[in-house]
PDB file of all heavy atoms in Angstrom:
ATOM      1  N   GLY A   1       0.793  -1.228   0.000  1.00  0.00           N
ATOM      2  CA  GLY A   1       0.000   0.000   0.000  1.00  0.00           C
ATOM      3  C   GLY A   1       0.825   1.277   0.000  1.00  0.00           C
ATOM      4  O   GLY A   1       0.279   2.376  -0.027  1.00  0.00           O
ATOM      5  N   THR A   2       2.134   1.134   0.020  1.00  0.00           N
ATOM      6  CA  THR A   2       3.031   2.290   0.061  1.00  0.00           C
ATOM      7  C   THR A   2       3.741   2.439  -1.280  1.00  0.00           C
ATOM      8  O   THR A   2       4.221   1.466  -1.847  1.00  0.00           O
ATOM      9  CB  THR A   2       4.081   2.107   1.183  1.00  0.00           C
ATOM     10  OG1 THR A   2       3.409   1.971   2.438  1.00  0.00           O
ATOM     11  CG2 THR A   2       5.032   3.284   1.245  1.00  0.00           C
ATOM     12  N   THR A   3       3.801   3.662  -1.760  1.00  0.00           N
ATOM     13  CA  THR A   3       4.521   3.933  -3.013  1.00  0.00           C
ATOM     14  C   THR A   3       5.749   4.795  -2.723  1.00  0.00           C
ATOM     15  O   THR A   3       5.836   5.448  -1.675  1.00  0.00           O
ATOM     16  CB  THR A   3       3.617   4.688  -4.009  1.00  0.00           C
ATOM     17  OG1 THR A   3       3.315   5.981  -3.444  1.00  0.00           O
ATOM     18  CG2 THR A   3       2.325   3.920  -4.296  1.00  0.00           C
ATOM     19  N   LEU A   4       6.672   4.811  -3.689  1.00  0.00           N
ATOM     20  CA  LEU A   4       7.822   5.708  -3.562  1.00  0.00           C
ATOM     21  C   LEU A   4       7.368   7.164  -3.505  1.00  0.00           C
ATOM     22  O   LEU A   4       7.970   7.986  -2.816  1.00  0.00           O
ATOM     23  CB  LEU A   4       8.793   5.514  -4.725  1.00  0.00           C
ATOM     24  CG  LEU A   4       9.777   4.356  -4.610  1.00  0.00           C
ATOM     25  CD1 LEU A   4      10.681   4.306  -5.838  1.00  0.00           C
ATOM     26  CD2 LEU A   4      10.613   4.448  -3.356  1.00  0.00           C
ATOM     27  N   GLN A   5       6.289   7.467  -4.216  1.00  0.00           N
ATOM     28  CA  GLN A   5       5.744   8.822  -4.189  1.00  0.00           C
ATOM     29  C   GLN A   5       5.321   9.201  -2.771  1.00  0.00           C
ATOM     30  O   GLN A   5       5.620  10.299  -2.298  1.00  0.00           O
ATOM     31  CB  GLN A   5       4.537   8.927  -5.150  1.00  0.00           C
ATOM     32  CG  GLN A   5       3.943  10.322  -5.235  1.00  0.00           C
ATOM     33  CD  GLN A   5       4.877  11.320  -5.910  1.00  0.00           C
ATOM     34  OE1 GLN A   5       5.609  10.976  -6.830  1.00  0.00           O
ATOM     35  NE2 GLN A   5       4.858  12.557  -5.441  1.00  0.00           N
ATOM     36  N   MET A   6       4.648   8.275  -2.085  1.00  0.00           N
ATOM     37  CA  MET A   6       4.230   8.543  -0.701  1.00  0.00           C
ATOM     38  C   MET A   6       5.435   8.736   0.207  1.00  0.00           C
ATOM     39  O   MET A   6       5.448   9.641   1.057  1.00  0.00           O
ATOM     40  CB  MET A   6       3.386   7.375  -0.170  1.00  0.00           C
ATOM     41  CG  MET A   6       2.059   7.208  -0.816  1.00  0.00           C
ATOM     42  SD  MET A   6       1.396   5.612  -0.265  1.00  0.00           S
ATOM     43  CE  MET A   6      -0.340   5.906  -0.511  1.00  0.00           C
ATOM     44  N   ILE A   7       6.415   7.860   0.052  1.00  0.00           N
ATOM     45  CA  ILE A   7       7.630   7.984   0.869  1.00  0.00           C
ATOM     46  C   ILE A   7       8.271   9.345   0.608  1.00  0.00           C
ATOM     47  O   ILE A   7       8.684  10.041   1.544  1.00  0.00           O
ATOM     48  CB  ILE A   7       8.613   6.837   0.567  1.00  0.00           C
ATOM     49  CG1 ILE A   7       8.002   5.482   0.977  1.00  0.00           C
ATOM     50  CG2 ILE A   7       9.949   7.061   1.285  1.00  0.00           C
ATOM     51  CD1 ILE A   7       8.764   4.265   0.480  1.00  0.00           C
ATOM     52  N   GLY A   8       8.315   9.732  -0.649  1.00  0.00           N
ATOM     53  CA  GLY A   8       8.880  11.028  -1.013  1.00  0.00           C
ATOM     54  C   GLY A   8       8.128  12.185  -0.382  1.00  0.00           C
ATOM     55  O   GLY A   8       8.738  13.146   0.092  1.00  0.00           O
ATOM     56  N   GLU A   9       6.799  12.102  -0.377  1.00  0.00           N
ATOM     57  CA  GLU A   9       6.004  13.178   0.222  1.00  0.00           C
ATOM     58  C   GLU A   9       6.299  13.309   1.711  1.00  0.00           C
ATOM     59  O   GLU A   9       6.425  14.423   2.229  1.00  0.00           O
ATOM     60  CB  GLU A   9       4.520  12.915  -0.015  1.00  0.00           C
ATOM     61  CG  GLU A   9       4.102  13.138  -1.470  1.00  0.00           C
ATOM     62  CD  GLU A   9       2.676  12.685  -1.764  1.00  0.00           C
ATOM     63  OE1 GLU A   9       1.922  12.365  -0.821  1.00  0.00           O
ATOM     64  OE2 GLU A   9       2.320  12.643  -2.961  1.00  0.00           O
ATOM     65  N   VAL A  10       6.411  12.175   2.402  1.00  0.00           N
ATOM     66  CA  VAL A  10       6.691  12.220   3.839  1.00  0.00           C
ATOM     67  C   VAL A  10       8.124  12.691   4.099  1.00  0.00           C
ATOM     68  O   VAL A  10       8.368  13.470   5.017  1.00  0.00           O
ATOM     69  CB  VAL A  10       6.427  10.839   4.496  1.00  0.00           C
ATOM     70  CG1 VAL A  10       6.879  10.826   5.946  1.00  0.00           C
ATOM     71  CG2 VAL A  10       4.943  10.482   4.401  1.00  0.00           C
ATOM     72  N   ALA A  11       9.062  12.234   3.276  1.00  0.00           N
ATOM     73  CA  ALA A  11      10.474  12.593   3.476  1.00  0.00           C
ATOM     74  C   ALA A  11      10.841  13.940   2.860  1.00  0.00           C
ATOM     75  O   ALA A  11      11.933  14.455   3.108  1.00  0.00           O
ATOM     76  CB  ALA A  11      11.367  11.500   2.884  1.00  0.00           C
ATOM     77  N   GLY A  12       9.946  14.497   2.030  1.00  0.00           N
ATOM     78  CA  GLY A  12      10.234  15.770   1.385  1.00  0.00           C
ATOM     79  C   GLY A  12      11.222  15.641   0.238  1.00  0.00           C
ATOM     80  O   GLY A  12      12.043  16.539   0.023  1.00  0.00           O
ATOM     81  N   MET A  13      11.116  14.521  -0.501  1.00  0.00           N
ATOM     82  CA  MET A  13      12.025  14.273  -1.627  1.00  0.00           C
ATOM     83  C   MET A  13      11.252  13.664  -2.783  1.00  0.00           C
ATOM     84  O   MET A  13      10.171  13.133  -2.608  1.00  0.00           O
ATOM     85  CB  MET A  13      13.117  13.285  -1.217  1.00  0.00           C
ATOM     86  CG  MET A  13      14.040  13.788  -0.154  1.00  0.00           C
ATOM     87  SD  MET A  13      15.185  12.487   0.291  1.00  0.00           S
ATOM     88  CE  MET A  13      15.526  12.952   1.971  1.00  0.00           C
ATOM     89  N   SER A  14      11.859  13.711  -3.943  1.00  0.00           N
ATOM     90  CA  SER A  14      11.243  13.096  -5.119  1.00  0.00           C
ATOM     91  C   SER A  14      11.614  11.613  -5.172  1.00  0.00           C
ATOM     92  O   SER A  14      12.652  11.206  -4.619  1.00  0.00           O
ATOM     93  CB  SER A  14      11.720  13.790  -6.390  1.00  0.00           C
ATOM     94  OG  SER A  14      13.086  13.485  -6.610  1.00  0.00           O
ATOM     95  N   PRO A  15      10.802  10.793  -5.851  1.00  0.00           N
ATOM     96  CA  PRO A  15      11.155   9.381  -6.009  1.00  0.00           C
ATOM     97  C   PRO A  15      12.544   9.150  -6.614  1.00  0.00           C
ATOM     98  O   PRO A  15      13.275   8.270  -6.131  1.00  0.00           O
ATOM     99  CB  PRO A  15      10.034   8.829  -6.894  1.00  0.00           C
ATOM    100  CG  PRO A  15       8.848   9.667  -6.518  1.00  0.00           C
ATOM    101  CD  PRO A  15       9.429  11.053  -6.327  1.00  0.00           C
ATOM    102  N   PRO A  16      12.969   9.931  -7.616  1.00  0.00           N
ATOM    103  CA  PRO A  16      14.337   9.722  -8.114  1.00  0.00           C
ATOM    104  C   PRO A  16      15.417  10.000  -7.052  1.00  0.00           C
ATOM    105  O   PRO A  16      16.417   9.299  -6.983  1.00  0.00           O
ATOM    106  CB  PRO A  16      14.456  10.709  -9.279  1.00  0.00           C
ATOM    107  CG  PRO A  16      13.052  10.914  -9.751  1.00  0.00           C
ATOM    108  CD  PRO A  16      12.216  10.848  -8.501  1.00  0.00           C
ATOM    109  N   GLU A  17      15.175  11.017  -6.200  1.00  0.00           N
ATOM    110  CA  GLU A  17      16.135  11.282  -5.115  1.00  0.00           C
ATOM    111  C   GLU A  17      16.181  10.108  -4.144  1.00  0.00           C
ATOM    112  O   GLU A  17      17.259   9.716  -3.683  1.00  0.00           O
ATOM    113  CB  GLU A  17      15.742  12.553  -4.348  1.00  0.00           C
ATOM    114  CG  GLU A  17      15.967  13.841  -5.086  1.00  0.00           C
ATOM    115  CD  GLU A  17      15.443  15.025  -4.291  1.00  0.00           C
ATOM    116  OE1 GLU A  17      14.212  15.116  -4.092  1.00  0.00           O
ATOM    117  OE2 GLU A  17      16.275  15.844  -3.882  1.00  0.00           O
ATOM    118  N   ILE A  18      15.017   9.555  -3.854  1.00  0.00           N
ATOM    119  CA  ILE A  18      14.939   8.415  -2.942  1.00  0.00           C
ATOM    120  C   ILE A  18      15.690   7.228  -3.525  1.00  0.00           C
ATOM    121  O   ILE A  18      16.483   6.573  -2.836  1.00  0.00           O
ATOM    122  CB  ILE A  18      13.466   8.050  -2.657  1.00  0.00           C
ATOM    123  CG1 ILE A  18      12.846   9.143  -1.788  1.00  0.00           C
ATOM    124  CG2 ILE A  18      13.354   6.690  -1.981  1.00  0.00           C
ATOM    125  CD1 ILE A  18      11.363   9.018  -1.621  1.00  0.00           C
ATOM    126  N   SER A  19      15.449   6.949  -4.789  1.00  0.00           N
ATOM    127  CA  SER A  19      16.123   5.829  -5.447  1.00  0.00           C
ATOM    128  C   SER A  19      17.634   6.004  -5.437  1.00  0.00           C
ATOM    129  O   SER A  19      18.378   5.043  -5.228  1.00  0.00           O
ATOM    130  CB  SER A  19      15.621   5.670  -6.874  1.00  0.00           C
ATOM    131  OG  SER A  19      14.255   5.316  -6.869  1.00  0.00           O
ATOM    132  N   ARG A  20      18.076   7.227  -5.638  1.00  0.00           N
ATOM    133  CA  ARG A  20      19.517   7.502  -5.624  1.00  0.00           C
ATOM    134  C   ARG A  20      20.111   7.272  -4.233  1.00  0.00           C
ATOM    135  O   ARG A  20      21.193   6.722  -4.084  1.00  0.00           O
ATOM    136  CB  ARG A  20      19.768   8.942  -6.075  1.00  0.00           C
ATOM    137  CG  ARG A  20      21.241   9.354  -6.084  1.00  0.00           C
ATOM    138  CD  ARG A  20      21.424  10.826  -6.451  1.00  0.00           C
ATOM    139  NE  ARG A  20      20.620  11.757  -5.687  1.00  0.00           N
ATOM    140  CZ  ARG A  20      20.900  12.167  -4.436  1.00  0.00           C
ATOM    141  NH1 ARG A  20      21.953  11.709  -3.806  1.00  0.00           N
ATOM    142  NH2 ARG A  20      20.121  13.048  -3.826  1.00  0.00           N
ATOM    143  N   LEU A  21      19.376   7.660  -3.198  1.00  0.00           N
ATOM    144  CA  LEU A  21      19.880   7.555  -1.829  1.00  0.00           C
ATOM    145  C   LEU A  21      19.797   6.144  -1.251  1.00  0.00           C
ATOM    146  O   LEU A  21      20.715   5.693  -0.572  1.00  0.00           O
ATOM    147  CB  LEU A  21      19.084   8.483  -0.901  1.00  0.00           C
ATOM    148  CG  LEU A  21      19.373   9.961  -0.996  1.00  0.00           C
ATOM    149  CD1 LEU A  21      18.301  10.764  -0.292  1.00  0.00           C
ATOM    150  CD2 LEU A  21      20.748  10.247  -0.394  1.00  0.00           C
ATOM    151  N   VAL A  22      18.676   5.471  -1.490  1.00  0.00           N
ATOM    152  CA  VAL A  22      18.410   4.215  -0.795  1.00  0.00           C
ATOM    153  C   VAL A  22      18.169   3.052  -1.744  1.00  0.00           C
ATOM    154  O   VAL A  22      18.409   1.908  -1.405  1.00  0.00           O
ATOM    155  CB  VAL A  22      17.211   4.355   0.177  1.00  0.00           C
ATOM    156  CG1 VAL A  22      17.059   3.125   1.046  1.00  0.00           C
ATOM    157  CG2 VAL A  22      17.356   5.585   1.050  1.00  0.00           C
ATOM    158  N   GLY A  23      17.671   3.335  -2.928  1.00  0.00           N
ATOM    159  CA  GLY A  23      17.346   2.265  -3.866  1.00  0.00           C
ATOM    160  C   GLY A  23      15.857   2.215  -4.120  1.00  0.00           C
ATOM    161  O   GLY A  23      15.134   3.172  -3.845  1.00  0.00           O
ATOM    162  N   ASP A  24      15.416   1.090  -4.627  1.00  0.00           N
ATOM    163  CA  ASP A  24      13.995   0.951  -4.929  1.00  0.00           C
ATOM    164  C   ASP A  24      13.200   0.609  -3.661  1.00  0.00           C
ATOM    165  O   ASP A  24      13.766   0.453  -2.573  1.00  0.00           O
ATOM    166  CB  ASP A  24      13.768  -0.084  -6.038  1.00  0.00           C
ATOM    167  CG  ASP A  24      14.204  -1.489  -5.658  1.00  0.00           C
ATOM    168  OD1 ASP A  24      14.482  -1.768  -4.465  1.00  0.00           O
ATOM    169  OD2 ASP A  24      14.276  -2.339  -6.570  1.00  0.00           O
ATOM    170  N   LYS A  25      11.900   0.479  -3.809  1.00  0.00           N
ATOM    171  CA  LYS A  25      11.027   0.240  -2.649  1.00  0.00           C
ATOM    172  C   LYS A  25      11.403  -1.054  -1.936  1.00  0.00           C
ATOM    173  O   LYS A  25      11.405  -1.105  -0.707  1.00  0.00           O
ATOM    174  CB  LYS A  25       9.565   0.222  -3.093  1.00  0.00           C
ATOM    175  CG  LYS A  25       8.596   0.117  -1.917  1.00  0.00           C
ATOM    176  CD  LYS A  25       7.160   0.310  -2.334  1.00  0.00           C
ATOM    177  CE  LYS A  25       6.555  -0.960  -2.838  1.00  0.00           C
ATOM    178  NZ  LYS A  25       5.077  -0.911  -2.903  1.00  0.00           N
ATOM    179  N   ARG A  26      11.739  -2.085  -2.693  1.00  0.00           N
ATOM    180  CA  ARG A  26      12.132  -3.363  -2.092  1.00  0.00           C
ATOM    181  C   ARG A  26      13.364  -3.181  -1.209  1.00  0.00           C
ATOM    182  O   ARG A  26      13.429  -3.693  -0.090  1.00  0.00           O
ATOM    183  CB  ARG A  26      12.397  -4.391  -3.192  1.00  0.00           C
ATOM    184  CG  ARG A  26      12.774  -5.748  -2.673  1.00  0.00           C
ATOM    185  CD  ARG A  26      13.076  -6.721  -3.834  1.00  0.00           C
ATOM    186  NE  ARG A  26      13.306  -8.042  -3.344  1.00  0.00           N
ATOM    187  CZ  ARG A  26      14.428  -8.448  -2.771  1.00  0.00           C
ATOM    188  NH1 ARG A  26      15.425  -7.602  -2.602  1.00  0.00           N
ATOM    189  NH2 ARG A  26      14.551  -9.693  -2.342  1.00  0.00           N
ATOM    190  N   GLN A  27      14.354  -2.471  -1.699  1.00  0.00           N
ATOM    191  CA  GLN A  27      15.578  -2.234  -0.919  1.00  0.00           C
ATOM    192  C   GLN A  27      15.276  -1.433   0.348  1.00  0.00           C
ATOM    193  O   GLN A  27      15.840  -1.710   1.408  1.00  0.00           O
ATOM    194  CB  GLN A  27      16.620  -1.517  -1.778  1.00  0.00           C
ATOM    195  CG  GLN A  27      17.200  -2.389  -2.874  1.00  0.00           C
ATOM    196  CD  GLN A  27      18.029  -1.589  -3.857  1.00  0.00           C
ATOM    197  OE1 GLN A  27      17.553  -0.610  -4.438  1.00  0.00           O
ATOM    198  NE2 GLN A  27      19.270  -1.996  -4.052  1.00  0.00           N
ATOM    199  N   ILE A  28      14.402  -0.472   0.215  1.00  0.00           N
ATOM    200  CA  ILE A  28      14.026   0.330   1.385  1.00  0.00           C
ATOM    201  C   ILE A  28      13.312  -0.548   2.413  1.00  0.00           C
ATOM    202  O   ILE A  28      13.587  -0.482   3.612  1.00  0.00           O
ATOM    203  CB  ILE A  28      13.136   1.525   0.976  1.00  0.00           C
ATOM    204  CG1 ILE A  28      13.906   2.462   0.047  1.00  0.00           C
ATOM    205  CG2 ILE A  28      12.634   2.274   2.206  1.00  0.00           C
ATOM    206  CD1 ILE A  28      13.038   3.508  -0.644  1.00  0.00           C
ATOM    207  N   TYR A  29      12.405  -1.400   1.935  1.00  0.00           N
ATOM    208  CA  TYR A  29      11.673  -2.296   2.823  1.00  0.00           C
ATOM    209  C   TYR A  29      12.636  -3.225   3.570  1.00  0.00           C
ATOM    210  O   TYR A  29      12.522  -3.406   4.788  1.00  0.00           O
ATOM    211  CB  TYR A  29      10.668  -3.110   2.013  1.00  0.00           C
ATOM    212  CG  TYR A  29       9.831  -4.071   2.809  1.00  0.00           C
ATOM    213  CD1 TYR A  29       8.798  -3.625   3.618  1.00  0.00           C
ATOM    214  CD2 TYR A  29      10.060  -5.441   2.733  1.00  0.00           C
ATOM    215  CE1 TYR A  29       8.007  -4.505   4.331  1.00  0.00           C
ATOM    216  CE2 TYR A  29       9.281  -6.340   3.447  1.00  0.00           C
ATOM    217  CZ  TYR A  29       8.258  -5.865   4.242  1.00  0.00           C
ATOM    218  OH  TYR A  29       7.492  -6.757   4.954  1.00  0.00           O
ATOM    219  N   LEU A  30      13.579  -3.797   2.853  1.00  0.00           N
ATOM    220  CA  LEU A  30      14.551  -4.679   3.502  1.00  0.00           C
ATOM    221  C   LEU A  30      15.387  -3.925   4.529  1.00  0.00           C
ATOM    222  O   LEU A  30      15.697  -4.450   5.606  1.00  0.00           O
ATOM    223  CB  LEU A  30      15.442  -5.352   2.454  1.00  0.00           C
ATOM    224  CG  LEU A  30      14.743  -6.403   1.600  1.00  0.00           C
ATOM    225  CD1 LEU A  30      15.640  -6.855   0.457  1.00  0.00           C
ATOM    226  CD2 LEU A  30      14.293  -7.595   2.452  1.00  0.00           C
ATOM    227  N   GLU A  31      15.727  -2.682   4.220  1.00  0.00           N
ATOM    228  CA  GLU A  31      16.461  -1.849   5.183  1.00  0.00           C
ATOM    229  C   GLU A  31      15.623  -1.618   6.440  1.00  0.00           C
ATOM    230  O   GLU A  31      16.118  -1.737   7.562  1.00  0.00           O
ATOM    231  CB  GLU A  31      16.831  -0.513   4.528  1.00  0.00           C
ATOM    232  CG  GLU A  31      17.458   0.485   5.469  1.00  0.00           C
ATOM    233  CD  GLU A  31      18.967   0.378   5.537  1.00  0.00           C
ATOM    234  OE1 GLU A  31      19.566  -0.275   4.678  1.00  0.00           O
ATOM    235  OE2 GLU A  31      19.523   0.973   6.475  1.00  0.00           O
ATOM    236  N   VAL A  32      14.356  -1.310   6.264  1.00  0.00           N
ATOM    237  CA  VAL A  32      13.463  -1.089   7.411  1.00  0.00           C
ATOM    238  C   VAL A  32      13.359  -2.364   8.242  1.00  0.00           C
ATOM    239  O   VAL A  32      13.515  -2.344   9.472  1.00  0.00           O
ATOM    240  CB  VAL A  32      12.068  -0.619   6.937  1.00  0.00           C
ATOM    241  CG1 VAL A  32      11.040  -0.692   8.063  1.00  0.00           C
ATOM    242  CG2 VAL A  32      12.148   0.795   6.375  1.00  0.00           C
ATOM    243  N   MET A  33      13.103  -3.491   7.589  1.00  0.00           N
ATOM    244  CA  MET A  33      12.954  -4.757   8.314  1.00  0.00           C
ATOM    245  C   MET A  33      14.245  -5.129   9.036  1.00  0.00           C
ATOM    246  O   MET A  33      14.209  -5.583  10.188  1.00  0.00           O
ATOM    247  CB  MET A  33      12.523  -5.875   7.362  1.00  0.00           C
ATOM    248  CG  MET A  33      11.128  -5.700   6.794  1.00  0.00           C
ATOM    249  SD  MET A  33       9.813  -5.628   8.049  1.00  0.00           S
ATOM    250  CE  MET A  33       9.642  -7.359   8.460  1.00  0.00           C
ATOM    251  N   ASN A  34      15.375  -4.927   8.387  1.00  0.00           N
ATOM    252  CA  ASN A  34      16.654  -5.230   9.029  1.00  0.00           C
ATOM    253  C   ASN A  34      16.895  -4.355  10.257  1.00  0.00           C
ATOM    254  O   ASN A  34      17.388  -4.827  11.274  1.00  0.00           O
ATOM    255  CB  ASN A  34      17.811  -5.075   8.036  1.00  0.00           C
ATOM    256  CG  ASN A  34      18.042  -6.318   7.234  1.00  0.00           C
ATOM    257  OD1 ASN A  34      18.372  -7.361   7.788  1.00  0.00           O
ATOM    258  ND2 ASN A  34      17.871  -6.228   5.929  1.00  0.00           N
ATOM    259  N   ARG A  35      16.535  -3.105  10.158  1.00  0.00           N
ATOM    260  CA  ARG A  35      16.736  -2.204  11.300  1.00  0.00           C
ATOM    261  C   ARG A  35      15.835  -2.589  12.478  1.00  0.00           C
ATOM    262  O   ARG A  35      16.293  -2.657  13.618  1.00  0.00           O
ATOM    263  CB  ARG A  35      16.465  -0.762  10.899  1.00  0.00           C
ATOM    264  CG  ARG A  35      17.573  -0.183  10.082  1.00  0.00           C
ATOM    265  CD  ARG A  35      17.325   1.269   9.825  1.00  0.00           C
ATOM    266  NE  ARG A  35      18.351   1.802   8.945  1.00  0.00           N
ATOM    267  CZ  ARG A  35      18.586   3.076   8.812  1.00  0.00           C
ATOM    268  NH1 ARG A  35      17.880   3.957   9.476  1.00  0.00           N
ATOM    269  NH2 ARG A  35      19.533   3.475   7.988  1.00  0.00           N
ATOM    270  N   TYR A  36      14.560  -2.802  12.182  1.00  0.00           N
ATOM    271  CA  TYR A  36      13.654  -3.179  13.266  1.00  0.00           C
ATOM    272  C   TYR A  36      14.076  -4.505  13.880  1.00  0.00           C
ATOM    273  O   TYR A  36      14.116  -4.654  15.094  1.00  0.00           O
ATOM    274  CB  TYR A  36      12.211  -3.265  12.763  1.00  0.00           C
ATOM    275  CG  TYR A  36      11.509  -1.931  12.609  1.00  0.00           C
ATOM    276  CD1 TYR A  36      10.583  -1.733  11.604  1.00  0.00           C
ATOM    277  CD2 TYR A  36      11.748  -0.881  13.472  1.00  0.00           C
ATOM    278  CE1 TYR A  36       9.914  -0.526  11.454  1.00  0.00           C
ATOM    279  CE2 TYR A  36      11.087   0.343  13.334  1.00  0.00           C
ATOM    280  CZ  TYR A  36      10.171   0.505  12.324  1.00  0.00           C
ATOM    281  OH  TYR A  36       9.516   1.697  12.197  1.00  0.00           O
ATOM    282  N   TYR A  37      14.404  -5.468  13.028  1.00  0.00           N
ATOM    283  CA  TYR A  37      14.836  -6.759  13.542  1.00  0.00           C
ATOM    284  C   TYR A  37      16.142  -6.616  14.329  1.00  0.00           C
ATOM    285  O   TYR A  37      16.288  -7.210  15.397  1.00  0.00           O
ATOM    286  CB  TYR A  37      15.033  -7.785  12.425  1.00  0.00           C
ATOM    287  CG  TYR A  37      15.767  -8.987  12.954  1.00  0.00           C
ATOM    288  CD1 TYR A  37      15.120  -9.886  13.795  1.00  0.00           C
ATOM    289  CD2 TYR A  37      17.119  -9.176  12.699  1.00  0.00           C
ATOM    290  CE1 TYR A  37      15.801 -10.953  14.346  1.00  0.00           C
ATOM    291  CE2 TYR A  37      17.799 -10.237  13.252  1.00  0.00           C
ATOM    292  CZ  TYR A  37      17.145 -11.127  14.074  1.00  0.00           C
ATOM    293  OH  TYR A  37      17.824 -12.169  14.632  1.00  0.00           O
ATOM    294  N   GLY A  38      17.090  -5.848  13.823  1.00  0.00           N
ATOM    295  CA  GLY A  38      18.364  -5.679  14.509  1.00  0.00           C
ATOM    296  C   GLY A  38      18.201  -5.133  15.915  1.00  0.00           C
ATOM    297  O   GLY A  38      18.851  -5.606  16.855  1.00  0.00           O
ATOM    298  N   ALA A  39      17.325  -4.163  16.073  1.00  0.00           N
ATOM    299  CA  ALA A  39      17.084  -3.593  17.405  1.00  0.00           C
ATOM    300  C   ALA A  39      16.444  -4.636  18.319  1.00  0.00           C
ATOM    301  O   ALA A  39      16.839  -4.789  19.484  1.00  0.00           O
ATOM    302  CB  ALA A  39      16.195  -2.360  17.294  1.00  0.00           C
ATOM    303  N   GLU A  40      15.471  -5.370  17.793  1.00  0.00           N
ATOM    304  CA  GLU A  40      14.811  -6.396  18.594  1.00  0.00           C
ATOM    305  C   GLU A  40      15.786  -7.510  18.965  1.00  0.00           C
ATOM    306  O   GLU A  40      15.844  -7.959  20.109  1.00  0.00           O
ATOM    307  CB  GLU A  40      13.625  -6.971  17.830  1.00  0.00           C
ATOM    308  CG  GLU A  40      12.867  -8.028  18.593  1.00  0.00           C
ATOM    309  CD  GLU A  40      11.677  -8.567  17.818  1.00  0.00           C
ATOM    310  OE1 GLU A  40      11.497  -8.235  16.627  1.00  0.00           O
ATOM    311  OE2 GLU A  40      10.910  -9.320  18.422  1.00  0.00           O
ATOM    312  N   ALA A  41      16.578  -7.970  18.012  1.00  0.00           N
ATOM    313  CA  ALA A  41      17.538  -9.044  18.267  1.00  0.00           C
ATOM    314  C   ALA A  41      18.584  -8.614  19.291  1.00  0.00           C
ATOM    315  O   ALA A  41      18.946  -9.399  20.177  1.00  0.00           O
ATOM    316  CB  ALA A  41      18.204  -9.481  16.969  1.00  0.00           C
ATOM    317  N   ALA A  42      19.064  -7.392  19.204  1.00  0.00           N
ATOM    318  CA  ALA A  42      20.044  -6.897  20.172  1.00  0.00           C
ATOM    319  C   ALA A  42      19.436  -6.900  21.577  1.00  0.00           C
ATOM    320  O   ALA A  42      20.092  -7.299  22.550  1.00  0.00           O
ATOM    321  CB  ALA A  42      20.509  -5.492  19.791  1.00  0.00           C
ATOM    322  N   HIS A  43      18.186  -6.479  21.674  1.00  0.00           N
ATOM    323  CA  HIS A  43      17.506  -6.479  22.971  1.00  0.00           C
ATOM    324  C   HIS A  43      17.390  -7.906  23.514  1.00  0.00           C
ATOM    325  O   HIS A  43      17.722  -8.158  24.675  1.00  0.00           O
ATOM    326  CB  HIS A  43      16.119  -5.848  22.833  1.00  0.00           C
ATOM    327  CG  HIS A  43      15.287  -5.983  24.058  1.00  0.00           C
ATOM    328  ND1 HIS A  43      15.456  -5.182  25.165  1.00  0.00           N
ATOM    329  CD2 HIS A  43      14.292  -6.857  24.377  1.00  0.00           C
ATOM    330  CE1 HIS A  43      14.603  -5.541  26.103  1.00  0.00           C
ATOM    331  NE2 HIS A  43      13.891  -6.557  25.647  1.00  0.00           N
ATOM    332  N   MET A  44      16.942  -8.824  22.671  1.00  0.00           N
ATOM    333  CA  MET A  44      16.733 -10.200  23.130  1.00  0.00           C
ATOM    334  C   MET A  44      18.059 -10.885  23.474  1.00  0.00           C
ATOM    335  O   MET A  44      18.148 -11.625  24.459  1.00  0.00           O
ATOM    336  CB  MET A  44      15.956 -11.002  22.084  1.00  0.00           C
ATOM    337  CG  MET A  44      14.549 -10.485  21.821  1.00  0.00           C
ATOM    338  SD  MET A  44      13.548 -10.220  23.325  1.00  0.00           S
ATOM    339  CE  MET A  44      13.406 -11.887  23.932  1.00  0.00           C
ATOM    340  N   ARG A  45      19.104 -10.635  22.708  1.00  0.00           N
ATOM    341  CA  ARG A  45      20.408 -11.232  23.018  1.00  0.00           C
ATOM    342  C   ARG A  45      20.959 -10.678  24.340  1.00  0.00           C
ATOM    343  O   ARG A  45      21.587 -11.411  25.104  1.00  0.00           O
ATOM    344  CB  ARG A  45      21.386 -11.023  21.876  1.00  0.00           C
ATOM    345  CG  ARG A  45      21.041 -11.908  20.676  1.00  0.00           C
ATOM    346  CD  ARG A  45      22.101 -11.850  19.595  1.00  0.00           C
ATOM    347  NE  ARG A  45      21.709 -12.577  18.420  1.00  0.00           N
ATOM    348  CZ  ARG A  45      21.777 -13.891  18.261  1.00  0.00           C
ATOM    349  NH1 ARG A  45      22.220 -14.641  19.253  1.00  0.00           N
ATOM    350  NH2 ARG A  45      21.397 -14.463  17.137  1.00  0.00           N
ATOM    351  N   ALA A  46      20.716  -9.408  24.617  1.00  0.00           N
ATOM    352  CA  ALA A  46      21.143  -8.834  25.900  1.00  0.00           C
ATOM    353  C   ALA A  46      20.408  -9.504  27.047  1.00  0.00           C
ATOM    354  O   ALA A  46      20.996  -9.787  28.101  1.00  0.00           O
ATOM    355  CB  ALA A  46      20.906  -7.327  25.911  1.00  0.00           C
TER     356      ALA A  46
END
């Protein structure tokens, strides 16, 4: 349900700027999931 256009509107950037910085939507999603998981895993390992 999320588009690069929506991400751009929230971040204040155009979709091409987003793609240049982070990649496509799939890459951004994987980055988000990795970050959330990384924080949770660090907590649980502690």
